[in-house]
Amino acid sequence: MSDEEEDERREDDDDFPSLDEMIGTFFSEPALLPVVVVILGSGGAFGAAVLILTAVDRNPFAAAALVLIAGMTVDISLRARKEAAFRNLALLIGLVWAASVVLAGVAFVTGIATA
């Protein structure tokens, strides 16, 4: 292998994006917005289920999961305030929480949550 090929391979390894940069790509590319909608819908449905199970059914396991997820969200939010490397991840998690609350509200209003 020549020196040029090794240099090119090292440069390619250095250019691998971080997790935050990959998530940022989904927000900046218009063609990837449907993927963001699917992520928000599926994550929001999971979060809404956990919220409803905790509030309506008083399920202790759902409450424990909610506490753990909330703790991880607070941790990522604090890290995002200190370092720019977590900003897009914190934004995505915040949007999933917002989708969860909206979908849980829709479930309560339509009567799905109380059935």
PDB file of N, CA and C in Angstrom:
ATOM      1  N   MET A   1       0.846  -1.171   0.000  1.00  0.00           N
ATOM      2  CA  MET A   1       0.000   0.000   0.000  1.00  0.00           C
ATOM      3  C   MET A   1       0.894   1.238   0.000  1.00  0.00           C
ATOM      4  N   SER A   2       0.547   2.202  -0.814  1.00  0.00           N
ATOM      5  CA  SER A   2       1.364   3.403  -0.917  1.00  0.00           C
ATOM      6  C   SER A   2       1.032   4.377   0.211  1.00  0.00           C
ATOM      7  N   ASP A   3       1.910   5.362   0.354  1.00  0.00           N
ATOM      8  CA  ASP A   3       1.689   6.368   1.395  1.00  0.00           C
ATOM      9  C   ASP A   3       0.429   7.187   1.136  1.00  0.00           C
ATOM     10  N   GLU A   4       0.139   7.432  -0.145  1.00  0.00           N
ATOM     11  CA  GLU A   4      -1.051   8.213  -0.476  1.00  0.00           C
ATOM     12  C   GLU A   4      -2.329   7.482  -0.074  1.00  0.00           C
ATOM     13  N   GLU A   5      -2.365   6.173  -0.303  1.00  0.00           N
ATOM     14  CA  GLU A   5      -3.551   5.405   0.064  1.00  0.00           C
ATOM     15  C   GLU A   5      -3.743   5.384   1.577  1.00  0.00           C
ATOM     16  N   GLU A   6      -2.666   5.274   2.335  1.00  0.00           N
ATOM     17  CA  GLU A   6      -2.767   5.290   3.791  1.00  0.00           C
ATOM     18  C   GLU A   6      -3.247   6.645   4.290  1.00  0.00           C
ATOM     19  N   ASP A   7      -2.740   7.723   3.674  1.00  0.00           N
ATOM     20  CA  ASP A   7      -3.184   9.062   4.065  1.00  0.00           C
ATOM     21  C   ASP A   7      -4.674   9.249   3.784  1.00  0.00           C
ATOM     22  N   GLU A   8      -5.133   8.763   2.612  1.00  0.00           N
ATOM     23  CA  GLU A   8      -6.545   8.885   2.271  1.00  0.00           C
ATOM     24  C   GLU A   8      -7.402   8.095   3.252  1.00  0.00           C
ATOM     25  N   ARG A   9      -6.945   6.906   3.646  1.00  0.00           N
ATOM     26  CA  ARG A   9      -7.712   6.098   4.575  1.00  0.00           C
ATOM     27  C   ARG A   9      -7.786   6.753   5.946  1.00  0.00           C
ATOM     28  N   ARG A  10      -6.706   7.353   6.387  1.00  0.00           N
ATOM     29  CA  ARG A  10      -6.722   8.060   7.662  1.00  0.00           C
ATOM     30  C   ARG A  10      -7.650   9.260   7.609  1.00  0.00           C
ATOM     31  N   GLU A  11      -7.655   9.971   6.492  1.00  0.00           N
ATOM     32  CA  GLU A  11      -8.543  11.123   6.355  1.00  0.00           C
ATOM     33  C   GLU A  11     -10.004  10.681   6.366  1.00  0.00           C
ATOM     34  N   ASP A  12     -10.307   9.556   5.726  1.00  0.00           N
ATOM     35  CA  ASP A  12     -11.678   9.057   5.720  1.00  0.00           C
ATOM     36  C   ASP A  12     -12.125   8.680   7.125  1.00  0.00           C
ATOM     37  N   ASP A  13     -11.220   8.096   7.916  1.00  0.00           N
ATOM     38  CA  ASP A  13     -11.568   7.723   9.285  1.00  0.00           C
ATOM     39  C   ASP A  13     -11.817   8.957  10.147  1.00  0.00           C
ATOM     40  N   ASP A  14     -11.087  10.023   9.909  1.00  0.00           N
ATOM     41  CA  ASP A  14     -11.260  11.244  10.688  1.00  0.00           C
ATOM     42  C   ASP A  14     -12.543  11.980  10.332  1.00  0.00           C
ATOM     43  N   ASP A  15     -13.068  11.753   9.148  1.00  0.00           N
ATOM     44  CA  ASP A  15     -14.251  12.472   8.695  1.00  0.00           C
ATOM     45  C   ASP A  15     -15.557  11.805   9.119  1.00  0.00           C
ATOM     46  N   PHE A  16     -15.496  10.705   9.853  1.00  0.00           N
ATOM     47  CA  PHE A  16     -16.724  10.045  10.270  1.00  0.00           C
ATOM     48  C   PHE A  16     -17.477  10.951  11.230  1.00  0.00           C
ATOM     49  N   PRO A  17     -18.748  11.231  10.937  1.00  0.00           N
ATOM     50  CA  PRO A  17     -19.490  12.191  11.769  1.00  0.00           C
ATOM     51  C   PRO A  17     -19.829  11.616  13.144  1.00  0.00           C
ATOM     52  N   SER A  18     -19.988  12.507  14.082  1.00  0.00           N
ATOM     53  CA  SER A  18     -20.403  12.101  15.423  1.00  0.00           C
ATOM     54  C   SER A  18     -21.911  11.848  15.423  1.00  0.00           C
ATOM     55  N   LEU A  19     -22.419  11.310  16.525  1.00  0.00           N
ATOM     56  CA  LEU A  19     -23.848  11.036  16.643  1.00  0.00           C
ATOM     57  C   LEU A  19     -24.656  12.322  16.499  1.00  0.00           C
ATOM     58  N   ASP A  20     -24.176  13.392  17.111  1.00  0.00           N
ATOM     59  CA  ASP A  20     -24.897  14.663  17.038  1.00  0.00           C
ATOM     60  C   ASP A  20     -24.920  15.196  15.611  1.00  0.00           C
ATOM     61  N   GLU A  21     -23.822  15.037  14.881  1.00  0.00           N
ATOM     62  CA  GLU A  21     -23.782  15.485  13.486  1.00  0.00           C
ATOM     63  C   GLU A  21     -24.720  14.647  12.617  1.00  0.00           C
ATOM     64  N   MET A  22     -24.804  13.350  12.907  1.00  0.00           N
ATOM     65  CA  MET A  22     -25.716  12.507  12.136  1.00  0.00           C
ATOM     66  C   MET A  22     -27.171  12.891  12.396  1.00  0.00           C
ATOM     67  N   ILE A  23     -27.505  13.169  13.647  1.00  0.00           N
ATOM     68  CA  ILE A  23     -28.867  13.598  13.966  1.00  0.00           C
ATOM     69  C   ILE A  23     -29.143  14.958  13.342  1.00  0.00           C
ATOM     70  N   GLY A  24     -28.151  15.844  13.353  1.00  0.00           N
ATOM     71  CA  GLY A  24     -28.301  17.151  12.734  1.00  0.00           C
ATOM     72  C   GLY A  24     -28.577  17.066  11.245  1.00  0.00           C
ATOM     73  N   THR A  25     -28.067  16.030  10.599  1.00  0.00           N
ATOM     74  CA  THR A  25     -28.316  15.832   9.178  1.00  0.00           C
ATOM     75  C   THR A  25     -29.800  15.611   8.909  1.00  0.00           C
ATOM     76  N   PHE A  26     -30.467  14.912   9.810  1.00  0.00           N
ATOM     77  CA  PHE A  26     -31.899  14.671   9.632  1.00  0.00           C
ATOM     78  C   PHE A  26     -32.698  15.964   9.711  1.00  0.00           C
ATOM     79  N   PHE A  27     -32.244  16.925  10.501  1.00  0.00           N
ATOM     80  CA  PHE A  27     -32.941  18.200  10.618  1.00  0.00           C
ATOM     81  C   PHE A  27     -32.612  19.146   9.466  1.00  0.00           C
ATOM     82  N   SER A  28     -31.400  19.046   8.914  1.00  0.00           N
ATOM     83  CA  SER A  28     -30.976  20.000   7.884  1.00  0.00           C
ATOM     84  C   SER A  28     -31.337  19.569   6.463  1.00  0.00           C
ATOM     85  N   GLU A  29     -31.489  18.279   6.221  1.00  0.00           N
ATOM     86  CA  GLU A  29     -31.825  17.792   4.885  1.00  0.00           C
ATOM     87  C   GLU A  29     -33.338  17.659   4.731  1.00  0.00           C
ATOM     88  N   PRO A  30     -33.944  18.391   3.820  1.00  0.00           N
ATOM     89  CA  PRO A  30     -35.402  18.305   3.644  1.00  0.00           C
ATOM     90  C   PRO A  30     -35.881  16.915   3.236  1.00  0.00           C
ATOM     91  N   ALA A  31     -35.047  16.169   2.518  1.00  0.00           N
ATOM     92  CA  ALA A  31     -35.454  14.831   2.081  1.00  0.00           C
ATOM     93  C   ALA A  31     -35.553  13.857   3.251  1.00  0.00           C
ATOM     94  N   LEU A  32     -34.913  14.161   4.375  1.00  0.00           N
ATOM     95  CA  LEU A  32     -34.922  13.267   5.530  1.00  0.00           C
ATOM     96  C   LEU A  32     -35.973  13.650   6.573  1.00  0.00           C
ATOM     97  N   LEU A  33     -36.744  14.690   6.317  1.00  0.00           N
ATOM     98  CA  LEU A  33     -37.785  15.086   7.274  1.00  0.00           C
ATOM     99  C   LEU A  33     -38.850  14.009   7.497  1.00  0.00           C
ATOM    100  N   PRO A  34     -39.213  13.208   6.484  1.00  0.00           N
ATOM    101  CA  PRO A  34     -40.148  12.107   6.775  1.00  0.00           C
ATOM    102  C   PRO A  34     -39.588  11.109   7.799  1.00  0.00           C
ATOM    103  N   VAL A  35     -38.280  10.932   7.810  1.00  0.00           N
ATOM    104  CA  VAL A  35     -37.664  10.048   8.800  1.00  0.00           C
ATOM    105  C   VAL A  35     -37.826  10.651  10.189  1.00  0.00           C
ATOM    106  N   VAL A  36     -37.666  11.963  10.310  1.00  0.00           N
ATOM    107  CA  VAL A  36     -37.850  12.633  11.598  1.00  0.00           C
ATOM    108  C   VAL A  36     -39.298  12.488  12.064  1.00  0.00           C
ATOM    109  N   VAL A  37     -40.242  12.592  11.140  1.00  0.00           N
ATOM    110  CA  VAL A  37     -41.655  12.434  11.490  1.00  0.00           C
ATOM    111  C   VAL A  37     -41.922  11.023  12.014  1.00  0.00           C
ATOM    112  N   VAL A  38     -41.327  10.018  11.379  1.00  0.00           N
ATOM    113  CA  VAL A  38     -41.507   8.636  11.835  1.00  0.00           C
ATOM    114  C   VAL A  38     -40.869   8.444  13.209  1.00  0.00           C
ATOM    115  N   ILE A  39     -39.692   9.019  13.419  1.00  0.00           N
ATOM    116  CA  ILE A  39     -39.027   8.921  14.726  1.00  0.00           C
ATOM    117  C   ILE A  39     -39.889   9.576  15.793  1.00  0.00           C
ATOM    118  N   LEU A  40     -40.426  10.754  15.497  1.00  0.00           N
ATOM    119  CA  LEU A  40     -41.274  11.447  16.467  1.00  0.00           C
ATOM    120  C   LEU A  40     -42.574  10.694  16.714  1.00  0.00           C
ATOM    121  N   GLY A  41     -43.144  10.109  15.671  1.00  0.00           N
ATOM    122  CA  GLY A  41     -44.387   9.363  15.844  1.00  0.00           C
ATOM    123  C   GLY A  41     -44.199   8.101  16.670  1.00  0.00           C
ATOM    124  N   SER A  42     -43.166   7.343  16.361  1.00  0.00           N
ATOM    125  CA  SER A  42     -42.959   6.091  17.103  1.00  0.00           C
ATOM    126  C   SER A  42     -42.457   6.359  18.515  1.00  0.00           C
ATOM    127  N   GLY A  43     -41.532   7.285  18.663  1.00  0.00           N
ATOM    128  CA  GLY A  43     -41.064   7.638  20.002  1.00  0.00           C
ATOM    129  C   GLY A  43     -42.155   8.300  20.824  1.00  0.00           C
ATOM    130  N   GLY A  44     -42.964   9.122  20.172  1.00  0.00           N
ATOM    131  CA  GLY A  44     -44.076   9.771  20.858  1.00  0.00           C
ATOM    132  C   GLY A  44     -45.139   8.780  21.294  1.00  0.00           C
ATOM    133  N   ALA A  45     -45.391   7.767  20.475  1.00  0.00           N
ATOM    134  CA  ALA A  45     -46.367   6.741  20.861  1.00  0.00           C
ATOM    135  C   ALA A  45     -45.869   5.943  22.057  1.00  0.00           C
ATOM    136  N   PHE A  46     -44.593   5.613  22.066  1.00  0.00           N
ATOM    137  CA  PHE A  46     -44.024   4.903  23.213  1.00  0.00           C
ATOM    138  C   PHE A  46     -44.102   5.764  24.470  1.00  0.00           C
ATOM    139  N   GLY A  47     -43.716   7.032  24.344  1.00  0.00           N
ATOM    140  CA  GLY A  47     -43.769   7.936  25.491  1.00  0.00           C
ATOM    141  C   GLY A  47     -45.186   8.170  25.978  1.00  0.00           C
ATOM    142  N   ALA A  48     -46.132   8.275  25.042  1.00  0.00           N
ATOM    143  CA  ALA A  48     -47.535   8.457  25.427  1.00  0.00           C
ATOM    144  C   ALA A  48     -48.044   7.228  26.166  1.00  0.00           C
ATOM    145  N   ALA A  49     -47.641   6.054  25.722  1.00  0.00           N
ATOM    146  CA  ALA A  49     -48.065   4.832  26.412  1.00  0.00           C
ATOM    147  C   ALA A  49     -47.521   4.798  27.832  1.00  0.00           C
ATOM    148  N   VAL A  50     -46.272   5.187  27.997  1.00  0.00           N
ATOM    149  CA  VAL A  50     -45.681   5.204  29.342  1.00  0.00           C
ATOM    150  C   VAL A  50     -46.379   6.243  30.222  1.00  0.00           C
ATOM    151  N   LEU A  51     -46.664   7.410  29.662  1.00  0.00           N
ATOM    152  CA  LEU A  51     -47.369   8.441  30.426  1.00  0.00           C
ATOM    153  C   LEU A  51     -48.769   7.978  30.836  1.00  0.00           C
ATOM    154  N   ILE A  52     -49.483   7.353  29.919  1.00  0.00           N
ATOM    155  CA  ILE A  52     -50.847   6.902  30.211  1.00  0.00           C
ATOM    156  C   ILE A  52     -50.833   5.761  31.216  1.00  0.00           C
ATOM    157  N   LEU A  53     -49.915   4.824  31.045  1.00  0.00           N
ATOM    158  CA  LEU A  53     -49.833   3.717  32.005  1.00  0.00           C
ATOM    159  C   LEU A  53     -49.491   4.222  33.402  1.00  0.00           C
ATOM    160  N   THR A  54     -48.672   5.264  33.469  1.00  0.00           N
ATOM    161  CA  THR A  54     -48.312   5.821  34.771  1.00  0.00           C
ATOM    162  C   THR A  54     -49.477   6.599  35.383  1.00  0.00           C
ATOM    163  N   ALA A  55     -50.131   7.424  34.592  1.00  0.00           N
ATOM    164  CA  ALA A  55     -51.172   8.308  35.127  1.00  0.00           C
ATOM    165  C   ALA A  55     -52.503   7.601  35.336  1.00  0.00           C
ATOM    166  N   VAL A  56     -52.936   6.810  34.372  1.00  0.00           N
ATOM    167  CA  VAL A  56     -54.266   6.210  34.434  1.00  0.00           C
ATOM    168  C   VAL A  56     -54.248   4.876  35.178  1.00  0.00           C
ATOM    169  N   ASP A  57     -53.352   3.988  34.773  1.00  0.00           N
ATOM    170  CA  ASP A  57     -53.328   2.642  35.368  1.00  0.00           C
ATOM    171  C   ASP A  57     -52.506   2.563  36.646  1.00  0.00           C
ATOM    172  N   ARG A  58     -51.753   3.596  36.929  1.00  0.00           N
ATOM    173  CA  ARG A  58     -50.876   3.622  38.102  1.00  0.00           C
ATOM    174  C   ARG A  58     -49.964   2.398  38.146  1.00  0.00           C
ATOM    175  N   ASN A  59     -49.387   2.086  36.983  1.00  0.00           N
ATOM    176  CA  ASN A  59     -48.489   0.952  36.848  1.00  0.00           C
ATOM    177  C   ASN A  59     -47.121   1.328  37.416  1.00  0.00           C
ATOM    178  N   PRO A  60     -46.637   0.609  38.430  1.00  0.00           N
ATOM    179  CA  PRO A  60     -45.354   0.988  39.043  1.00  0.00           C
ATOM    180  C   PRO A  60     -44.161   0.789  38.111  1.00  0.00           C
ATOM    181  N   PHE A  61     -44.260  -0.182  37.217  1.00  0.00           N
ATOM    182  CA  PHE A  61     -43.162  -0.412  36.282  1.00  0.00           C
ATOM    183  C   PHE A  61     -43.080   0.706  35.243  1.00  0.00           C
ATOM    184  N   ALA A  62     -44.230   1.176  34.796  1.00  0.00           N
ATOM    185  CA  ALA A  62     -44.256   2.305  33.871  1.00  0.00           C
ATOM    186  C   ALA A  62     -43.751   3.566  34.561  1.00  0.00           C
ATOM    187  N   ALA A  63     -44.098   3.725  35.837  1.00  0.00           N
ATOM    188  CA  ALA A  63     -43.609   4.882  36.590  1.00  0.00           C
ATOM    189  C   ALA A  63     -42.096   4.826  36.744  1.00  0.00           C
ATOM    190  N   ALA A  64     -41.559   3.645  37.001  1.00  0.00           N
ATOM    191  CA  ALA A  64     -40.103   3.498  37.109  1.00  0.00           C
ATOM    192  C   ALA A  64     -39.431   3.799  35.774  1.00  0.00           C
ATOM    193  N   ALA A  65     -40.033   3.318  34.673  1.00  0.00           N
ATOM    194  CA  ALA A  65     -39.482   3.610  33.350  1.00  0.00           C
ATOM    195  C   ALA A  65     -39.536   5.106  33.063  1.00  0.00           C
ATOM    196  N   LEU A  66     -40.625   5.751  33.469  1.00  0.00           N
ATOM    197  CA  LEU A  66     -40.762   7.191  33.261  1.00  0.00           C
ATOM    198  C   LEU A  66     -39.701   7.962  34.041  1.00  0.00           C
ATOM    199  N   VAL A  67     -39.437   7.536  35.267  1.00  0.00           N
ATOM    200  CA  VAL A  67     -38.401   8.192  36.068  1.00  0.00           C
ATOM    201  C   VAL A  67     -37.030   8.020  35.419  1.00  0.00           C
ATOM    202  N   LEU A  68     -36.732   6.819  34.929  1.00  0.00           N
ATOM    203  CA  LEU A  68     -35.440   6.586  34.278  1.00  0.00           C
ATOM    204  C   LEU A  68     -35.296   7.394  32.995  1.00  0.00           C
ATOM    205  N   ILE A  69     -36.345   7.417  32.194  1.00  0.00           N
ATOM    206  CA  ILE A  69     -36.292   8.177  30.942  1.00  0.00           C
ATOM    207  C   ILE A  69     -36.169   9.671  31.235  1.00  0.00           C
ATOM    208  N   ALA A  70     -36.891  10.158  32.226  1.00  0.00           N
ATOM    209  CA  ALA A  70     -36.788  11.575  32.596  1.00  0.00           C
ATOM    210  C   ALA A  70     -35.388  11.899  33.104  1.00  0.00           C
ATOM    211  N   GLY A  71     -34.808  10.993  33.873  1.00  0.00           N
ATOM    212  CA  GLY A  71     -33.440  11.217  34.349  1.00  0.00           C
ATOM    213  C   GLY A  71     -32.436  11.284  33.217  1.00  0.00           C
ATOM    214  N   MET A  72     -32.582  10.411  32.239  1.00  0.00           N
ATOM    215  CA  MET A  72     -31.684  10.448  31.082  1.00  0.00           C
ATOM    216  C   MET A  72     -31.886  11.721  30.277  1.00  0.00           C
ATOM    217  N   THR A  73     -33.136  12.180  30.193  1.00  0.00           N
ATOM    218  CA  THR A  73     -33.416  13.415  29.465  1.00  0.00           C
ATOM    219  C   THR A  73     -32.767  14.615  30.155  1.00  0.00           C
ATOM    220  N   VAL A  74     -32.861  14.663  31.465  1.00  0.00           N
ATOM    221  CA  VAL A  74     -32.232  15.757  32.217  1.00  0.00           C
ATOM    222  C   VAL A  74     -30.716  15.716  32.028  1.00  0.00           C
ATOM    223  N   ASP A  75     -30.134  14.518  32.060  1.00  0.00           N
ATOM    224  CA  ASP A  75     -28.692  14.380  31.878  1.00  0.00           C
ATOM    225  C   ASP A  75     -28.253  14.885  30.508  1.00  0.00           C
ATOM    226  N   ILE A  76     -28.954  14.471  29.462  1.00  0.00           N
ATOM    227  CA  ILE A  76     -28.604  14.919  28.107  1.00  0.00           C
ATOM    228  C   ILE A  76     -28.816  16.420  27.973  1.00  0.00           C
ATOM    229  N   SER A  77     -29.871  16.953  28.584  1.00  0.00           N
ATOM    230  CA  SER A  77     -30.127  18.398  28.505  1.00  0.00           C
ATOM    231  C   SER A  77     -29.024  19.197  29.185  1.00  0.00           C
ATOM    232  N   LEU A  78     -28.575  18.728  30.343  1.00  0.00           N
ATOM    233  CA  LEU A  78     -27.477  19.420  31.029  1.00  0.00           C
ATOM    234  C   LEU A  78     -26.181  19.330  30.236  1.00  0.00           C
ATOM    235  N   ARG A  79     -25.931  18.181  29.643  1.00  0.00           N
ATOM    236  CA  ARG A  79     -24.727  18.043  28.816  1.00  0.00           C
ATOM    237  C   ARG A  79     -24.803  18.940  27.581  1.00  0.00           C
ATOM    238  N   ALA A  80     -25.998  19.088  27.016  1.00  0.00           N
ATOM    239  CA  ALA A  80     -26.167  19.928  25.831  1.00  0.00           C
ATOM    240  C   ALA A  80     -25.921  21.392  26.156  1.00  0.00           C
ATOM    241  N   ARG A  81     -26.225  21.806  27.381  1.00  0.00           N
ATOM    242  CA  ARG A  81     -25.960  23.191  27.771  1.00  0.00           C
ATOM    243  C   ARG A  81     -24.468  23.455  27.917  1.00  0.00           C
ATOM    244  N   LYS A  82     -23.711  22.412  28.328  1.00  0.00           N
ATOM    245  CA  LYS A  82     -22.269  22.572  28.530  1.00  0.00           C
ATOM    246  C   LYS A  82     -21.478  22.383  27.242  1.00  0.00           C
ATOM    247  N   GLU A  83     -21.875  21.414  26.429  1.00  0.00           N
ATOM    248  CA  GLU A  83     -21.130  21.070  25.222  1.00  0.00           C
ATOM    249  C   GLU A  83     -22.055  21.142  24.010  1.00  0.00           C
ATOM    250  N   ALA A  84     -21.521  21.649  22.928  1.00  0.00           N
ATOM    251  CA  ALA A  84     -22.316  21.740  21.703  1.00  0.00           C
ATOM    252  C   ALA A  84     -22.487  20.375  21.041  1.00  0.00           C
ATOM    253  N   ALA A  85     -21.754  19.380  21.504  1.00  0.00           N
ATOM    254  CA  ALA A  85     -21.793  18.057  20.883  1.00  0.00           C
ATOM    255  C   ALA A  85     -23.085  17.307  21.142  1.00  0.00           C
ATOM    256  N   PHE A  86     -23.935  17.797  22.035  1.00  0.00           N
ATOM    257  CA  PHE A  86     -25.174  17.100  22.364  1.00  0.00           C
ATOM    258  C   PHE A  86     -26.420  17.908  22.018  1.00  0.00           C
ATOM    259  N   ARG A  87     -26.273  18.996  21.323  1.00  0.00           N
ATOM    260  CA  ARG A  87     -27.416  19.882  21.074  1.00  0.00           C
ATOM    261  C   ARG A  87     -28.501  19.241  20.210  1.00  0.00           C
ATOM    262  N   ASN A  88     -28.106  18.608  19.105  1.00  0.00           N
ATOM    263  CA  ASN A  88     -29.114  18.002  18.229  1.00  0.00           C
ATOM    264  C   ASN A  88     -29.788  16.813  18.899  1.00  0.00           C
ATOM    265  N   LEU A  89     -29.039  16.057  19.678  1.00  0.00           N
ATOM    266  CA  LEU A  89     -29.622  14.937  20.409  1.00  0.00           C
ATOM    267  C   LEU A  89     -30.634  15.439  21.440  1.00  0.00           C
ATOM    268  N   ALA A  90     -30.294  16.503  22.141  1.00  0.00           N
ATOM    269  CA  ALA A  90     -31.228  17.076  23.121  1.00  0.00           C
ATOM    270  C   ALA A  90     -32.467  17.625  22.424  1.00  0.00           C
ATOM    271  N   LEU A  91     -32.299  18.214  21.267  1.00  0.00           N
ATOM    272  CA  LEU A  91     -33.443  18.711  20.498  1.00  0.00           C
ATOM    273  C   LEU A  91     -34.358  17.566  20.095  1.00  0.00           C
ATOM    274  N   LEU A  92     -33.779  16.481  19.607  1.00  0.00           N
ATOM    275  CA  LEU A  92     -34.585  15.332  19.204  1.00  0.00           C
ATOM    276  C   LEU A  92     -35.333  14.732  20.389  1.00  0.00           C
ATOM    277  N   ILE A  93     -34.668  14.602  21.516  1.00  0.00           N
ATOM    278  CA  ILE A  93     -35.316  14.056  22.700  1.00  0.00           C
ATOM    279  C   ILE A  93     -36.432  14.979  23.180  1.00  0.00           C
ATOM    280  N   GLY A  94     -36.195  16.282  23.135  1.00  0.00           N
ATOM    281  CA  GLY A  94     -37.245  17.233  23.511  1.00  0.00           C
ATOM    282  C   GLY A  94     -38.450  17.151  22.592  1.00  0.00           C
ATOM    283  N   LEU A  95     -38.204  16.974  21.308  1.00  0.00           N
ATOM    284  CA  LEU A  95     -39.314  16.837  20.365  1.00  0.00           C
ATOM    285  C   LEU A  95     -40.084  15.537  20.595  1.00  0.00           C
ATOM    286  N   VAL A  96     -39.381  14.469  20.963  1.00  0.00           N
ATOM    287  CA  VAL A  96     -40.067  13.208  21.273  1.00  0.00           C
ATOM    288  C   VAL A  96     -40.933  13.376  22.515  1.00  0.00           C
ATOM    289  N   TRP A  97     -40.420  14.089  23.529  1.00  0.00           N
ATOM    290  CA  TRP A  97     -41.239  14.357  24.728  1.00  0.00           C
ATOM    291  C   TRP A  97     -42.476  15.168  24.355  1.00  0.00           C
ATOM    292  N   ALA A  98     -42.309  16.172  23.508  1.00  0.00           N
ATOM    293  CA  ALA A  98     -43.455  16.987  23.094  1.00  0.00           C
ATOM    294  C   ALA A  98     -44.472  16.141  22.336  1.00  0.00           C
ATOM    295  N   ALA A  99     -44.000  15.277  21.448  1.00  0.00           N
ATOM    296  CA  ALA A  99     -44.908  14.387  20.720  1.00  0.00           C
ATOM    297  C   ALA A  99     -45.611  13.437  21.685  1.00  0.00           C
ATOM    298  N   SER A 100     -44.907  12.981  22.713  1.00  0.00           N
ATOM    299  CA  SER A 100     -45.504  12.086  23.710  1.00  0.00           C
ATOM    300  C   SER A 100     -46.643  12.766  24.453  1.00  0.00           C
ATOM    301  N   VAL A 101     -46.408  13.996  24.865  1.00  0.00           N
ATOM    302  CA  VAL A 101     -47.436  14.724  25.602  1.00  0.00           C
ATOM    303  C   VAL A 101     -48.641  15.004  24.699  1.00  0.00           C
ATOM    304  N   VAL A 102     -48.387  15.376  23.454  1.00  0.00           N
ATOM    305  CA  VAL A 102     -49.493  15.644  22.524  1.00  0.00           C
ATOM    306  C   VAL A 102     -50.293  14.372  22.264  1.00  0.00           C
ATOM    307  N   LEU A 103     -49.614  13.268  22.006  1.00  0.00           N
ATOM    308  CA  LEU A 103     -50.329  12.015  21.731  1.00  0.00           C
ATOM    309  C   LEU A 103     -51.066  11.502  22.972  1.00  0.00           C
ATOM    310  N   ALA A 104     -50.492  11.692  24.153  1.00  0.00           N
ATOM    311  CA  ALA A 104     -51.197  11.308  25.387  1.00  0.00           C
ATOM    312  C   ALA A 104     -52.435  12.178  25.563  1.00  0.00           C
ATOM    313  N   GLY A 105     -52.320  13.473  25.263  1.00  0.00           N
ATOM    314  CA  GLY A 105     -53.482  14.356  25.328  1.00  0.00           C
ATOM    315  C   GLY A 105     -54.567  13.958  24.361  1.00  0.00           C
ATOM    316  N   VAL A 106     -54.172  13.592  23.160  1.00  0.00           N
ATOM    317  CA  VAL A 106     -55.150  13.123  22.166  1.00  0.00           C
ATOM    318  C   VAL A 106     -55.831  11.847  22.663  1.00  0.00           C
ATOM    319  N   ALA A 107     -55.072  10.958  23.277  1.00  0.00           N
ATOM    320  CA  ALA A 107     -55.649   9.717  23.804  1.00  0.00           C
ATOM    321  C   ALA A 107     -56.640  10.005  24.923  1.00  0.00           C
ATOM    322  N   PHE A 108     -56.335  10.979  25.775  1.00  0.00           N
ATOM    323  CA  PHE A 108     -57.264  11.333  26.843  1.00  0.00           C
ATOM    324  C   PHE A 108     -58.534  11.977  26.295  1.00  0.00           C
ATOM    325  N   VAL A 109     -58.388  12.898  25.357  1.00  0.00           N
ATOM    326  CA  VAL A 109     -59.537  13.615  24.819  1.00  0.00           C
ATOM    327  C   VAL A 109     -60.461  12.677  24.041  1.00  0.00           C
ATOM    328  N   THR A 110     -59.872  11.764  23.280  1.00  0.00           N
ATOM    329  CA  THR A 110     -60.701  10.840  22.481  1.00  0.00           C
ATOM    330  C   THR A 110     -61.250   9.681  23.286  1.00  0.00           C
ATOM    331  N   GLY A 111     -60.774   9.497  24.502  1.00  0.00           N
ATOM    332  CA  GLY A 111     -61.274   8.424  25.333  1.00  0.00           C
ATOM    333  C   GLY A 111     -60.531   7.105  25.187  1.00  0.00           C
ATOM    334  N   ILE A 112     -59.498   7.099  24.387  1.00  0.00           N
ATOM    335  CA  ILE A 112     -58.717   5.867  24.211  1.00  0.00           C
ATOM    336  C   ILE A 112     -58.009   5.481  25.498  1.00  0.00           C
ATOM    337  N   ALA A 113     -57.537   6.480  26.245  1.00  0.00           N
ATOM    338  CA  ALA A 113     -56.765   6.223  27.455  1.00  0.00           C
ATOM    339  C   ALA A 113     -57.613   5.698  28.599  1.00  0.00           C
ATOM    340  N   THR A 114     -58.892   5.949  28.570  1.00  0.00           N
ATOM    341  CA  THR A 114     -59.743   5.540  29.683  1.00  0.00           C
ATOM    342  C   THR A 114     -60.549   4.287  29.398  1.00  0.00           C
ATOM    343  N   ALA A 115     -60.359   3.715  28.223  1.00  0.00           N
ATOM    344  CA  ALA A 115     -61.157   2.538  27.841  1.00  0.00           C
ATOM    345  C   ALA A 115     -60.713   1.281  28.532  1.00  0.00           C
TER     346      ALA A 115
END
